[in-house]
C-alpha cells in the first residue's frame, strides 16, 4: 500500500525508505566505483604502488562508509541511527565494495594488463634486496610471494582487506554518525 501524507488538502507521497541492505549495496557500489576510478587514473599516470597510494584508497573507503551511513541515517531512517546499525552499515558497504573491487582486480590482472603482475613481483623482489636479505633469503621469500601473486589470490585478499579496513573505519565513524532517538515515542517503538 502506498504511503501518502496529506498536506494542505492534496496527497503527497512519502519519501521512499530504503533498507539498510539496499543502501549498503548502493554505497558499496559507489565506493567501489570511486576506488576503481582512482586506481585507473593512477594507472594511466604510470604511478607505481606506494604508501601514499594506499592512503588515498583507504580514504576513499572511509569516505564511502561515512557518506553511505550518514545518508541512510538522514534520508531513510528519520535522522536516527544506533551505533550498532551504523557499524553494520559501514561493514556492509565495505563488503559490497570489496566484492566489486575484487572482481575488478581479477579482470585487470587476468585480461587488461597481464604484465602488471610480473611488474609487482619484480618490485617485491627489489624491495627484499633493498632490505639487505641474502640471495637465498630473497629466493625463499619470492617462492612464497610468487604463489600469492596470482589474480585469484589477490582478489580474495582484496575482499578480506577491504572488509577489515572498513570494519576498523566503521568502528570510529559510527561514533560520529550515530544519533539515538531519545524521544518519548521511541521508547514504545519496537526495533
N, C-alpha and C. Protein backbone atom coordinates (compact mmCIF):
# COMPACT_ATOMS: atom_id res chain seq x y z
N UNK A 1 0.85 -1.18 0.00
CA UNK A 1 0.00 0.00 0.00
C UNK A 1 0.89 1.24 0.00
N UNK A 2 0.55 2.20 -0.83
CA UNK A 2 1.37 3.41 -0.96
C UNK A 2 1.17 4.30 0.25
N UNK A 3 2.26 4.83 0.76
CA UNK A 3 2.25 5.70 1.92
C UNK A 3 2.04 7.14 1.45
N UNK A 4 0.87 7.73 1.80
CA UNK A 4 0.54 9.08 1.33
C UNK A 4 0.26 9.96 2.54
N UNK A 5 0.81 11.15 2.51
CA UNK A 5 0.58 12.14 3.56
C UNK A 5 -0.29 13.25 3.00
N UNK A 6 -1.15 13.79 3.85
CA UNK A 6 -1.99 14.92 3.47
C UNK A 6 -1.31 16.22 3.87
N UNK A 7 -1.11 17.11 2.92
CA UNK A 7 -0.61 18.45 3.22
C UNK A 7 -1.43 19.44 2.43
N UNK A 8 -2.07 20.31 3.13
CA UNK A 8 -2.92 21.36 2.56
C UNK A 8 -3.91 20.80 1.53
N UNK A 9 -4.53 19.68 1.87
CA UNK A 9 -5.61 19.16 1.05
C UNK A 9 -5.19 18.25 -0.09
N UNK A 10 -3.94 18.21 -0.47
CA UNK A 10 -3.54 17.36 -1.59
C UNK A 10 -2.60 16.25 -1.11
N UNK A 11 -2.81 15.04 -1.62
CA UNK A 11 -1.96 13.94 -1.17
C UNK A 11 -0.54 14.06 -1.74
N UNK A 12 0.45 13.77 -0.91
CA UNK A 12 1.85 13.81 -1.31
C UNK A 12 2.49 12.48 -0.90
N UNK A 13 3.20 11.86 -1.81
CA UNK A 13 3.85 10.59 -1.50
C UNK A 13 4.99 10.82 -0.51
N UNK A 14 5.08 9.92 0.46
CA UNK A 14 6.16 10.00 1.45
C UNK A 14 7.47 9.61 0.79
N UNK A 15 8.60 10.12 1.31
CA UNK A 15 9.88 9.73 0.74
C UNK A 15 10.10 8.22 0.90
N UNK A 16 10.69 7.63 -0.11
CA UNK A 16 10.93 6.19 -0.10
C UNK A 16 12.00 5.85 0.93
N UNK A 17 11.74 4.84 1.73
CA UNK A 17 12.70 4.41 2.74
C UNK A 17 13.38 3.14 2.25
N UNK A 18 14.68 3.23 2.03
CA UNK A 18 15.45 2.06 1.64
C UNK A 18 15.86 1.29 2.89
N UNK A 19 16.03 0.01 2.71
CA UNK A 19 16.52 -0.79 3.82
C UNK A 19 18.02 -0.57 3.97
N UNK A 20 18.52 -1.00 5.09
CA UNK A 20 19.96 -0.90 5.34
C UNK A 20 20.73 -1.65 4.27
N UNK A 21 20.24 -2.81 3.88
CA UNK A 21 20.92 -3.62 2.87
C UNK A 21 20.95 -2.92 1.52
N UNK A 22 19.83 -2.37 1.08
CA UNK A 22 19.77 -1.68 -0.22
C UNK A 22 20.69 -0.47 -0.22
N UNK A 23 20.66 0.31 0.85
CA UNK A 23 21.53 1.49 0.95
C UNK A 23 23.00 1.06 0.96
N UNK A 24 23.32 -0.03 1.65
CA UNK A 24 24.70 -0.50 1.72
C UNK A 24 25.19 -1.00 0.36
N UNK A 25 24.33 -1.67 -0.37
CA UNK A 25 24.70 -2.11 -1.72
C UNK A 25 24.98 -0.89 -2.60
N UNK A 26 24.07 0.09 -2.55
CA UNK A 26 24.22 1.29 -3.37
C UNK A 26 25.54 2.00 -3.07
N UNK A 27 25.82 2.25 -1.79
CA UNK A 27 27.03 2.98 -1.44
C UNK A 27 28.28 2.11 -1.53
N UNK A 28 28.12 0.80 -1.44
CA UNK A 28 29.23 -0.09 -1.72
C UNK A 28 29.64 0.01 -3.18
N UNK A 29 28.65 0.09 -4.07
CA UNK A 29 28.93 0.25 -5.50
C UNK A 29 29.55 1.62 -5.78
N UNK A 30 29.03 2.66 -5.15
CA UNK A 30 29.61 3.99 -5.34
C UNK A 30 31.06 4.02 -4.86
N UNK A 31 31.31 3.43 -3.69
CA UNK A 31 32.65 3.40 -3.12
C UNK A 31 33.61 2.63 -4.02
N UNK A 32 33.15 1.47 -4.49
CA UNK A 32 33.98 0.66 -5.40
C UNK A 32 34.26 1.42 -6.69
N UNK A 33 33.25 2.11 -7.21
CA UNK A 33 33.45 2.90 -8.43
C UNK A 33 34.49 3.98 -8.24
N UNK A 34 34.42 4.69 -7.11
CA UNK A 34 35.40 5.74 -6.83
C UNK A 34 36.79 5.13 -6.65
N UNK A 35 36.87 4.01 -5.97
CA UNK A 35 38.14 3.32 -5.72
C UNK A 35 38.77 2.91 -7.05
N UNK A 36 37.97 2.29 -7.91
CA UNK A 36 38.48 1.83 -9.21
C UNK A 36 38.87 3.02 -10.08
N UNK A 37 38.10 4.10 -10.02
CA UNK A 37 38.44 5.30 -10.78
C UNK A 37 39.80 5.85 -10.35
N UNK A 38 40.05 5.89 -9.05
CA UNK A 38 41.35 6.35 -8.55
C UNK A 38 42.46 5.44 -9.07
N UNK A 39 42.24 4.12 -9.00
CA UNK A 39 43.26 3.19 -9.49
C UNK A 39 43.52 3.37 -10.98
N UNK A 40 42.47 3.58 -11.76
CA UNK A 40 42.64 3.75 -13.20
C UNK A 40 43.37 5.05 -13.54
N UNK A 41 43.05 6.12 -12.82
CA UNK A 41 43.75 7.39 -13.04
C UNK A 41 45.23 7.24 -12.71
N UNK A 42 45.52 6.61 -11.58
CA UNK A 42 46.92 6.40 -11.21
C UNK A 42 47.62 5.47 -12.19
N UNK A 43 46.91 4.48 -12.70
CA UNK A 43 47.48 3.57 -13.70
C UNK A 43 47.79 4.34 -15.00
N UNK A 44 46.86 5.20 -15.40
CA UNK A 44 47.06 5.99 -16.62
C UNK A 44 48.24 6.95 -16.46
N UNK A 45 48.48 7.39 -15.23
CA UNK A 45 49.60 8.29 -14.96
C UNK A 45 50.90 7.53 -14.69
N UNK A 46 50.85 6.21 -14.78
CA UNK A 46 52.01 5.32 -14.53
C UNK A 46 52.59 5.51 -13.14
N UNK A 47 51.72 5.66 -12.14
CA UNK A 47 52.15 5.78 -10.76
C UNK A 47 52.24 4.38 -10.18
N UNK A 48 53.41 4.04 -9.63
CA UNK A 48 53.57 2.71 -9.04
C UNK A 48 52.97 2.68 -7.64
N UNK A 49 52.79 1.49 -7.14
CA UNK A 49 52.19 1.29 -5.82
C UNK A 49 53.14 1.82 -4.74
N UNK A 50 52.67 2.81 -4.01
CA UNK A 50 53.46 3.40 -2.92
C UNK A 50 52.56 3.57 -1.71
N UNK A 51 53.16 3.97 -0.59
CA UNK A 51 52.38 4.15 0.63
C UNK A 51 51.30 5.20 0.48
N UNK A 52 51.61 6.31 -0.18
CA UNK A 52 50.60 7.36 -0.31
C UNK A 52 49.43 6.90 -1.18
N UNK A 53 49.70 6.00 -2.11
CA UNK A 53 48.61 5.43 -2.91
C UNK A 53 47.67 4.62 -2.02
N UNK A 54 48.24 3.87 -1.09
CA UNK A 54 47.42 3.11 -0.15
C UNK A 54 46.56 4.04 0.71
N UNK A 55 47.11 5.17 1.11
CA UNK A 55 46.35 6.13 1.92
C UNK A 55 45.18 6.71 1.13
N UNK A 56 45.38 6.97 -0.14
CA UNK A 56 44.29 7.51 -0.97
C UNK A 56 43.16 6.50 -1.07
N UNK A 57 43.48 5.24 -1.33
CA UNK A 57 42.43 4.24 -1.48
C UNK A 57 41.73 3.99 -0.15
N UNK A 58 42.46 4.05 0.97
CA UNK A 58 41.81 3.90 2.27
C UNK A 58 40.90 5.08 2.56
N UNK A 59 41.30 6.26 2.13
CA UNK A 59 40.47 7.44 2.30
C UNK A 59 39.16 7.31 1.50
N UNK A 60 39.25 6.73 0.32
CA UNK A 60 38.04 6.51 -0.49
C UNK A 60 37.09 5.57 0.24
N UNK A 61 37.61 4.50 0.83
CA UNK A 61 36.76 3.56 1.56
C UNK A 61 36.11 4.24 2.76
N UNK A 62 36.90 4.99 3.53
CA UNK A 62 36.36 5.68 4.70
C UNK A 62 35.30 6.70 4.30
N UNK A 63 35.54 7.44 3.23
CA UNK A 63 34.56 8.43 2.76
C UNK A 63 33.27 7.75 2.31
N UNK A 64 33.39 6.64 1.62
CA UNK A 64 32.19 5.91 1.18
C UNK A 64 31.37 5.41 2.35
N UNK A 65 32.04 4.92 3.38
CA UNK A 65 31.34 4.44 4.58
C UNK A 65 30.66 5.60 5.28
N UNK A 66 31.37 6.70 5.44
CA UNK A 66 30.80 7.86 6.13
C UNK A 66 29.57 8.39 5.38
N UNK A 67 29.73 8.61 4.08
CA UNK A 67 28.62 9.18 3.29
C UNK A 67 27.42 8.23 3.25
N UNK A 68 27.68 6.95 3.00
CA UNK A 68 26.59 5.98 2.91
C UNK A 68 25.83 5.84 4.21
N UNK A 69 26.54 5.80 5.31
CA UNK A 69 25.89 5.65 6.62
C UNK A 69 25.13 6.92 6.99
N UNK A 70 25.71 8.06 6.69
CA UNK A 70 25.02 9.32 7.00
C UNK A 70 23.76 9.48 6.16
N UNK A 71 23.83 9.12 4.89
CA UNK A 71 22.64 9.19 4.04
C UNK A 71 21.56 8.25 4.55
N UNK A 72 21.95 7.04 4.96
CA UNK A 72 20.96 6.11 5.50
C UNK A 72 20.30 6.69 6.74
N UNK A 73 21.09 7.27 7.62
CA UNK A 73 20.54 7.87 8.84
C UNK A 73 19.58 9.00 8.52
N UNK A 74 20.01 9.92 7.66
CA UNK A 74 19.24 11.14 7.43
C UNK A 74 18.05 10.96 6.48
N UNK A 75 18.22 10.19 5.43
CA UNK A 75 17.17 10.10 4.41
C UNK A 75 16.28 8.88 4.54
N UNK A 76 16.77 7.83 5.18
CA UNK A 76 16.00 6.60 5.19
C UNK A 76 15.65 6.10 6.59
N UNK A 77 16.16 6.76 7.61
CA UNK A 77 15.91 6.29 8.97
C UNK A 77 15.49 7.45 9.88
N UNK A 78 14.86 8.45 9.32
CA UNK A 78 14.29 9.59 10.05
C UNK A 78 15.31 10.35 10.90
N UNK A 79 16.57 10.35 10.49
CA UNK A 79 17.58 11.13 11.19
C UNK A 79 18.18 10.46 12.41
N UNK A 80 17.78 9.20 12.67
CA UNK A 80 18.30 8.50 13.84
C UNK A 80 18.95 7.19 13.42
N UNK A 81 20.01 6.82 14.13
CA UNK A 81 20.70 5.57 13.84
C UNK A 81 21.51 5.18 15.06
N UNK A 82 21.33 3.95 15.51
CA UNK A 82 22.08 3.46 16.67
C UNK A 82 23.53 3.19 16.27
N UNK A 83 24.38 3.03 17.27
CA UNK A 83 25.78 2.73 17.00
C UNK A 83 25.90 1.40 16.26
N UNK A 84 25.15 0.41 16.69
CA UNK A 84 25.22 -0.92 16.08
C UNK A 84 24.81 -0.92 14.62
N UNK A 85 23.72 -0.24 14.30
CA UNK A 85 23.26 -0.18 12.91
C UNK A 85 24.20 0.67 12.07
N UNK A 86 24.79 1.68 12.67
CA UNK A 86 25.78 2.49 11.96
C UNK A 86 27.01 1.65 11.64
N UNK A 87 27.45 0.87 12.61
CA UNK A 87 28.58 -0.04 12.39
C UNK A 87 28.24 -1.07 11.32
N UNK A 88 27.04 -1.62 11.40
CA UNK A 88 26.60 -2.60 10.40
C UNK A 88 26.56 -2.02 9.00
N UNK A 89 26.11 -0.80 8.90
CA UNK A 89 26.07 -0.12 7.61
C UNK A 89 27.47 -0.01 7.01
N UNK A 90 28.42 0.41 7.82
CA UNK A 90 29.79 0.56 7.33
C UNK A 90 30.41 -0.76 6.91
N UNK A 91 30.17 -1.81 7.69
CA UNK A 91 30.73 -3.12 7.36
C UNK A 91 30.12 -3.64 6.06
N UNK A 92 28.80 -3.47 5.91
CA UNK A 92 28.14 -3.93 4.67
C UNK A 92 28.63 -3.14 3.46
N UNK A 93 28.76 -1.84 3.61
CA UNK A 93 29.27 -1.02 2.50
C UNK A 93 30.66 -1.50 2.09
N UNK A 94 31.53 -1.75 3.07
CA UNK A 94 32.88 -2.22 2.73
C UNK A 94 32.85 -3.62 2.13
N UNK A 95 31.92 -4.47 2.55
CA UNK A 95 31.82 -5.81 1.98
C UNK A 95 31.44 -5.74 0.50
N UNK A 96 30.41 -4.98 0.19
CA UNK A 96 29.98 -4.88 -1.21
C UNK A 96 31.03 -4.18 -2.07
N UNK A 97 31.67 -3.16 -1.51
CA UNK A 97 32.76 -2.50 -2.24
C UNK A 97 33.90 -3.49 -2.48
N UNK A 98 34.24 -4.27 -1.46
CA UNK A 98 35.32 -5.24 -1.58
C UNK A 98 35.06 -6.29 -2.65
N UNK A 99 33.83 -6.75 -2.75
CA UNK A 99 33.49 -7.76 -3.77
C UNK A 99 33.66 -7.16 -5.17
N UNK A 100 33.17 -5.95 -5.38
CA UNK A 100 33.29 -5.31 -6.70
C UNK A 100 34.76 -5.03 -7.02
N UNK A 101 35.52 -4.55 -6.06
CA UNK A 101 36.94 -4.28 -6.28
C UNK A 101 37.69 -5.57 -6.58
N UNK A 102 37.30 -6.66 -5.92
CA UNK A 102 37.93 -7.96 -6.17
C UNK A 102 37.67 -8.42 -7.60
N UNK A 103 36.46 -8.24 -8.08
CA UNK A 103 36.14 -8.61 -9.46
C UNK A 103 36.98 -7.77 -10.43
N UNK A 104 37.06 -6.48 -10.15
CA UNK A 104 37.90 -5.60 -10.97
C UNK A 104 39.36 -6.07 -10.95
N UNK A 105 39.87 -6.38 -9.76
CA UNK A 105 41.27 -6.81 -9.62
C UNK A 105 41.53 -8.06 -10.46
N UNK A 106 40.63 -9.02 -10.37
CA UNK A 106 40.80 -10.26 -11.13
C UNK A 106 40.80 -9.98 -12.63
N UNK A 107 39.82 -9.20 -13.07
CA UNK A 107 39.73 -8.89 -14.51
C UNK A 107 40.94 -8.07 -14.99
N UNK A 108 41.38 -7.14 -14.16
CA UNK A 108 42.51 -6.30 -14.54
C UNK A 108 43.76 -7.14 -14.75
N UNK A 109 44.12 -7.97 -13.78
CA UNK A 109 45.36 -8.75 -13.87
C UNK A 109 45.25 -9.95 -14.81
N UNK A 110 44.03 -10.42 -15.08
CA UNK A 110 43.87 -11.57 -15.96
C UNK A 110 43.74 -11.17 -17.42
N UNK A 111 43.02 -10.05 -17.69
CA UNK A 111 42.71 -9.70 -19.07
C UNK A 111 43.24 -8.35 -19.53
N UNK A 112 43.20 -7.35 -18.67
CA UNK A 112 43.51 -6.00 -19.09
C UNK A 112 45.01 -5.75 -19.22
N UNK A 113 45.76 -6.06 -18.15
CA UNK A 113 47.21 -5.85 -18.17
C UNK A 113 47.88 -7.06 -17.52
N UNK A 114 48.13 -8.07 -18.31
CA UNK A 114 48.72 -9.30 -17.78
C UNK A 114 50.16 -9.10 -17.35
N UNK A 115 50.84 -8.09 -17.86
CA UNK A 115 52.23 -7.85 -17.47
C UNK A 115 52.34 -7.14 -16.12
N UNK A 116 51.24 -6.58 -15.63
CA UNK A 116 51.27 -5.85 -14.36
C UNK A 116 51.63 -6.77 -13.19
N UNK A 117 51.20 -8.01 -13.25
CA UNK A 117 51.52 -8.96 -12.18
C UNK A 117 53.03 -9.21 -12.13
N UNK A 118 53.67 -9.36 -13.28
CA UNK A 118 55.12 -9.57 -13.32
C UNK A 118 55.85 -8.35 -12.76
N UNK A 119 55.33 -7.16 -13.03
CA UNK A 119 55.94 -5.93 -12.50
C UNK A 119 55.84 -5.90 -10.98
N UNK A 120 54.69 -6.30 -10.44
CA UNK A 120 54.52 -6.34 -8.99
C UNK A 120 55.49 -7.32 -8.34
N UNK A 121 55.67 -8.47 -8.96
CA UNK A 121 56.61 -9.47 -8.43
C UNK A 121 58.03 -8.93 -8.47
N UNK A 122 58.39 -8.26 -9.56
CA UNK A 122 59.73 -7.67 -9.69
C UNK A 122 59.96 -6.59 -8.63
N UNK A 123 58.95 -5.74 -8.40
CA UNK A 123 59.06 -4.69 -7.38
C UNK A 123 59.22 -5.30 -5.99
N UNK A 124 58.51 -6.40 -5.73
CA UNK A 124 58.63 -7.07 -4.43
C UNK A 124 60.05 -7.61 -4.24
N UNK A 125 60.63 -8.16 -5.30
CA UNK A 125 61.99 -8.69 -5.22
C UNK A 125 63.00 -7.56 -4.97
N UNK A 126 62.81 -6.44 -5.63
CA UNK A 126 63.71 -5.28 -5.43
C UNK A 126 63.63 -4.79 -3.98
N UNK A 127 62.42 -4.72 -3.42
CA UNK A 127 62.25 -4.28 -2.03
C UNK A 127 62.97 -5.24 -1.07
N UNK A 128 62.90 -6.53 -1.35
CA UNK A 128 63.59 -7.50 -0.50
C UNK A 128 65.10 -7.34 -0.57
N UNK A 129 65.61 -7.10 -1.77
CA UNK A 129 67.05 -6.89 -1.94
C UNK A 129 67.50 -5.61 -1.24
N UNK A 130 66.67 -4.57 -1.28
CA UNK A 130 67.00 -3.30 -0.61
C UNK A 130 67.04 -3.45 0.90
N UNK A 131 66.32 -4.45 1.42
CA UNK A 131 66.32 -4.69 2.86
C UNK A 131 67.59 -5.40 3.32
N UNK A 132 68.43 -5.81 2.37
CA UNK A 132 69.70 -6.42 2.71
C UNK A 132 69.64 -7.93 2.89
N UNK A 133 68.60 -8.57 2.39
CA UNK A 133 68.49 -10.02 2.50
C UNK A 133 69.47 -10.69 1.54
N UNK A 134 69.90 -11.88 1.91
CA UNK A 134 70.80 -12.64 1.04
C UNK A 134 70.00 -13.17 -0.15
N UNK A 135 70.73 -13.61 -1.19
CA UNK A 135 70.07 -14.14 -2.38
C UNK A 135 69.20 -15.35 -2.03
N UNK A 136 69.68 -16.19 -1.11
CA UNK A 136 68.92 -17.37 -0.70
C UNK A 136 67.62 -16.96 0.00
N UNK A 137 67.70 -15.97 0.88
CA UNK A 137 66.50 -15.49 1.58
C UNK A 137 65.52 -14.85 0.60
N UNK A 138 66.03 -14.12 -0.36
CA UNK A 138 65.17 -13.50 -1.38
C UNK A 138 64.49 -14.58 -2.20
N UNK A 139 65.22 -15.63 -2.58
CA UNK A 139 64.63 -16.72 -3.36
C UNK A 139 63.51 -17.43 -2.58
N UNK A 140 63.75 -17.66 -1.29
CA UNK A 140 62.72 -18.29 -0.46
C UNK A 140 61.47 -17.40 -0.36
N UNK A 141 61.71 -16.13 -0.10
CA UNK A 141 60.59 -15.19 0.03
C UNK A 141 59.83 -15.05 -1.28
N UNK A 142 60.57 -15.03 -2.38
CA UNK A 142 59.91 -14.88 -3.68
C UNK A 142 59.14 -16.14 -4.07
N UNK A 143 59.56 -17.30 -3.57
CA UNK A 143 58.81 -18.53 -3.80
C UNK A 143 57.42 -18.44 -3.19
N UNK A 144 57.37 -17.90 -1.98
CA UNK A 144 56.08 -17.72 -1.29
C UNK A 144 55.30 -16.59 -1.96
N UNK A 145 55.97 -15.49 -2.25
CA UNK A 145 55.32 -14.33 -2.87
C UNK A 145 54.75 -14.69 -4.23
N UNK A 146 55.49 -15.49 -5.00
CA UNK A 146 55.02 -15.88 -6.33
C UNK A 146 53.72 -16.66 -6.28
N UNK A 147 53.55 -17.48 -5.23
CA UNK A 147 52.31 -18.25 -5.09
C UNK A 147 51.14 -17.33 -4.73
N UNK A 148 51.44 -16.29 -3.96
CA UNK A 148 50.37 -15.39 -3.52
C UNK A 148 50.06 -14.30 -4.56
N UNK A 149 50.93 -14.11 -5.51
CA UNK A 149 50.74 -13.07 -6.51
C UNK A 149 50.04 -13.65 -7.74
N UNK A 150 48.84 -14.11 -7.54
CA UNK A 150 48.01 -14.57 -8.65
C UNK A 150 46.73 -13.74 -8.62
N UNK A 151 46.09 -13.56 -9.76
CA UNK A 151 44.85 -12.75 -9.76
C UNK A 151 43.78 -13.28 -8.81
N UNK A 152 43.64 -14.60 -8.73
CA UNK A 152 42.64 -15.18 -7.84
C UNK A 152 42.94 -14.91 -6.37
N UNK A 153 44.18 -15.16 -5.96
CA UNK A 153 44.56 -14.94 -4.57
C UNK A 153 44.46 -13.46 -4.21
N UNK A 154 44.90 -12.60 -5.12
CA UNK A 154 44.84 -11.16 -4.85
C UNK A 154 43.39 -10.69 -4.73
N UNK A 155 42.50 -11.25 -5.54
CA UNK A 155 41.09 -10.86 -5.48
C UNK A 155 40.47 -11.24 -4.14
N UNK A 156 40.77 -12.44 -3.68
CA UNK A 156 40.24 -12.88 -2.38
C UNK A 156 40.82 -12.01 -1.27
N UNK A 157 42.10 -11.71 -1.34
CA UNK A 157 42.71 -10.88 -0.29
C UNK A 157 42.16 -9.45 -0.32
N UNK A 158 41.76 -8.96 -1.50
CA UNK A 158 41.17 -7.62 -1.59
C UNK A 158 39.86 -7.57 -0.80
N UNK A 159 39.04 -8.62 -0.92
CA UNK A 159 37.77 -8.64 -0.17
C UNK A 159 38.06 -8.59 1.33
N UNK A 160 38.97 -9.46 1.79
CA UNK A 160 39.27 -9.51 3.23
C UNK A 160 39.87 -8.20 3.72
N UNK A 161 40.80 -7.63 2.98
CA UNK A 161 41.43 -6.39 3.45
C UNK A 161 40.45 -5.22 3.41
N UNK A 162 39.59 -5.17 2.41
CA UNK A 162 38.60 -4.08 2.35
C UNK A 162 37.62 -4.18 3.51
N UNK A 163 37.17 -5.38 3.82
CA UNK A 163 36.25 -5.56 4.94
C UNK A 163 36.96 -5.27 6.27
N UNK A 164 38.21 -5.69 6.39
CA UNK A 164 38.96 -5.41 7.62
C UNK A 164 39.11 -3.91 7.84
N UNK A 165 39.60 -3.21 6.82
CA UNK A 165 39.75 -1.75 6.94
C UNK A 165 38.39 -1.08 7.11
N UNK A 166 37.39 -1.56 6.38
CA UNK A 166 36.05 -1.00 6.50
C UNK A 166 35.49 -1.15 7.90
N UNK A 167 35.74 -2.30 8.52
CA UNK A 167 35.27 -2.53 9.89
C UNK A 167 35.99 -1.59 10.86
N UNK A 168 37.29 -1.44 10.69
CA UNK A 168 38.04 -0.53 11.57
C UNK A 168 37.54 0.91 11.41
N UNK A 169 37.34 1.34 10.16
CA UNK A 169 36.82 2.69 9.93
C UNK A 169 35.41 2.83 10.49
N UNK A 170 34.60 1.79 10.33
CA UNK A 170 33.21 1.84 10.79
C UNK A 170 33.12 1.96 12.30
N UNK A 171 34.03 1.31 13.01
CA UNK A 171 34.04 1.42 14.47
C UNK A 171 34.21 2.87 14.91
N UNK A 172 35.01 3.62 14.18
CA UNK A 172 35.25 5.02 14.51
C UNK A 172 34.15 5.91 13.95
N UNK A 173 33.79 5.70 12.69
CA UNK A 173 32.79 6.54 12.04
C UNK A 173 31.44 6.43 12.74
N UNK A 174 31.10 5.23 13.22
CA UNK A 174 29.81 5.03 13.88
C UNK A 174 29.66 5.91 15.11
N UNK A 175 30.76 6.24 15.76
CA UNK A 175 30.71 7.13 16.93
C UNK A 175 30.17 8.50 16.53
N UNK A 176 30.57 8.97 15.36
CA UNK A 176 30.20 10.32 14.91
C UNK A 176 28.88 10.36 14.15
N UNK A 177 28.50 9.25 13.52
CA UNK A 177 27.29 9.24 12.70
C UNK A 177 26.06 8.85 13.50
N UNK A 178 26.23 8.10 14.55
CA UNK A 178 25.08 7.62 15.32
C UNK A 178 24.30 8.80 15.90
N UNK A 179 23.03 8.59 15.99
CA UNK A 179 22.17 9.60 16.61
C UNK A 179 20.97 8.84 17.16
N UNK A 180 20.95 8.69 18.46
CA UNK A 180 19.90 7.93 19.12
C UNK A 180 18.62 8.74 19.20
N UNK A 181 17.50 8.05 19.06
CA UNK A 181 16.18 8.68 19.20
C UNK A 181 15.76 8.51 20.66
N UNK A 182 15.88 9.58 21.42
CA UNK A 182 15.57 9.53 22.85
C UNK A 182 14.19 10.11 23.14
N UNK A 183 13.34 10.21 22.15
CA UNK A 183 12.01 10.78 22.36
C UNK A 183 11.14 9.81 23.15
N UNK A 184 10.08 10.33 23.68
CA UNK A 184 9.13 9.53 24.47
C UNK A 184 8.51 8.43 23.59
N UNK A 185 8.15 8.79 22.35
CA UNK A 185 7.53 7.83 21.44
C UNK A 185 8.50 6.69 21.08
N UNK A 186 9.78 6.99 20.98
CA UNK A 186 10.77 5.98 20.59
C UNK A 186 10.89 4.90 21.65
N UNK A 187 10.59 5.22 22.89
CA UNK A 187 10.68 4.23 23.96
C UNK A 187 9.65 3.13 23.80
N UNK A 188 8.56 3.41 23.04
CA UNK A 188 7.49 2.42 22.88
C UNK A 188 7.50 1.76 21.51
N UNK A 189 8.41 2.15 20.63
CA UNK A 189 8.52 1.54 19.31
C UNK A 189 9.29 0.23 19.42
N UNK A 190 8.90 -0.72 18.58
CA UNK A 190 9.64 -1.98 18.50
C UNK A 190 10.79 -1.81 17.54
N UNK A 191 11.90 -2.45 17.84
CA UNK A 191 13.07 -2.36 16.96
C UNK A 191 12.92 -3.26 15.79
